[in-house]
Each structure stands twice: as C-alpha cells, then as structure tokens.
Protein backbone atom coordinates (compact mmCIF):
# COMPACT_ATOMS: atom_id res chain seq x y z
CA UNK A 1 111.55 81.28 86.30
CA UNK A 2 111.25 81.81 90.10
CA UNK A 3 109.74 85.06 91.59
CA UNK A 4 112.75 85.47 93.78
CA UNK A 5 115.12 85.77 90.76
CA UNK A 6 113.83 89.06 90.11
CA UNK A 7 113.92 90.28 93.81
CA UNK A 8 116.95 92.21 95.12
CA UNK A 9 117.84 91.64 98.73
CA UNK A 10 118.80 94.84 100.63
CA UNK A 11 120.72 94.43 103.77
CA UNK A 12 119.35 96.32 106.79
CA UNK A 13 121.96 98.49 107.98
CA UNK A 14 122.28 101.34 110.39
CA UNK A 15 121.70 104.33 107.98
CA UNK A 16 118.38 103.04 107.38
CA UNK A 17 117.42 103.27 110.95
CA UNK A 18 118.52 106.65 111.17
CA UNK A 19 116.36 107.63 108.29
CA UNK A 20 113.50 105.82 109.83
CA UNK A 21 114.21 107.81 113.16
CA UNK A 22 114.19 111.19 111.27
CA UNK A 23 110.88 110.36 109.61
CA UNK A 24 109.44 109.08 112.82
CA UNK A 25 110.58 112.10 114.86
CA UNK A 26 109.13 114.45 112.20
CA UNK A 27 105.88 112.79 112.13
CA UNK A 28 105.66 112.82 116.03
CA UNK A 29 105.99 116.51 116.13
CA UNK A 30 102.74 116.49 113.98
CA UNK A 31 101.10 114.14 116.53
CA UNK A 32 101.34 111.30 113.99
CA UNK A 33 102.82 107.72 114.90
CA UNK A 34 103.25 104.85 112.59
CA UNK A 35 104.58 101.40 113.08
CA UNK A 36 108.37 101.10 113.43
CA UNK A 37 108.54 98.44 110.67
CA UNK A 38 106.71 100.97 108.21
CA UNK A 39 109.31 103.62 109.22
CA UNK A 40 112.19 101.32 108.53
CA UNK A 41 110.64 100.57 105.05
CA UNK A 42 110.02 104.09 104.28
CA UNK A 43 113.77 104.91 105.57
CA UNK A 44 115.14 102.13 103.23
CA UNK A 45 113.07 103.31 100.17
CA UNK A 46 113.92 106.95 100.56
CA UNK A 47 117.70 106.05 101.09
CA UNK A 48 117.63 104.39 97.65
CA UNK A 49 115.88 107.17 95.82
CA UNK A 50 112.57 105.25 95.77
CA UNK A 51 109.74 107.35 96.15
CA UNK A 52 106.51 105.33 95.16
CA UNK A 53 105.28 102.36 97.13
CA UNK A 54 102.41 100.00 96.26
CA UNK A 55 100.66 99.00 99.59
CA UNK A 56 97.36 98.26 101.28
CA UNK A 57 98.44 100.25 104.21
CA UNK A 58 97.88 103.65 102.78
CA UNK A 59 97.06 105.37 106.01
CA UNK A 60 100.75 105.02 107.38
CA UNK A 61 102.75 105.70 104.35
CA UNK A 62 100.43 108.61 103.19
CA UNK A 63 101.80 110.35 106.32
CA UNK A 64 105.31 110.43 104.82
CA UNK A 65 105.13 113.40 102.34
CA UNK A 66 108.33 112.28 100.59
CA UNK A 67 106.36 109.10 99.44
CA UNK A 68 103.66 108.64 96.80
CA UNK A 69 101.16 105.87 97.88
CA UNK A 70 99.74 103.54 95.32
CA UNK A 71 97.10 101.36 96.60
CA UNK A 72 94.33 99.10 95.14
C-alpha cells in the first residue's frame, strides 16, 4: 500500500484564497503577519471544516483562533 493512496488531493481554488485573505486581514489588524502559504493552508482547512492541524510551525498557526494546533 502506497502512502499516497490515503491522501486526498484538494484543488486550490479562488474561495480558499478569499478565506486566506480574510484571515490575513484580521491578523494584520492585530499587528500579526504570517506567511501567505500558511494563510492558504488555513483557508483550505477551515473551508473544509477542518479545525485541527499537526505542524512544527506552531507560531503561525496559533495566531489563527479557529484552528487548534497540535505540535510534537
């Protein structure tokens, strides 16, 4: 069994970018900036109703209140 057999590929579409922009704008008002790539990841996750992320990049994702960050 290949690892990729269990991976769903999600196409990047405009509404993910809109969610990312919304998140980025809200953070900017608080004086917080994070990488655009992380904003896209968060936008995609939240759009699909995913609220937990496992990452080593705690600092950026903890700034997004809608996400619960799991880090090891």
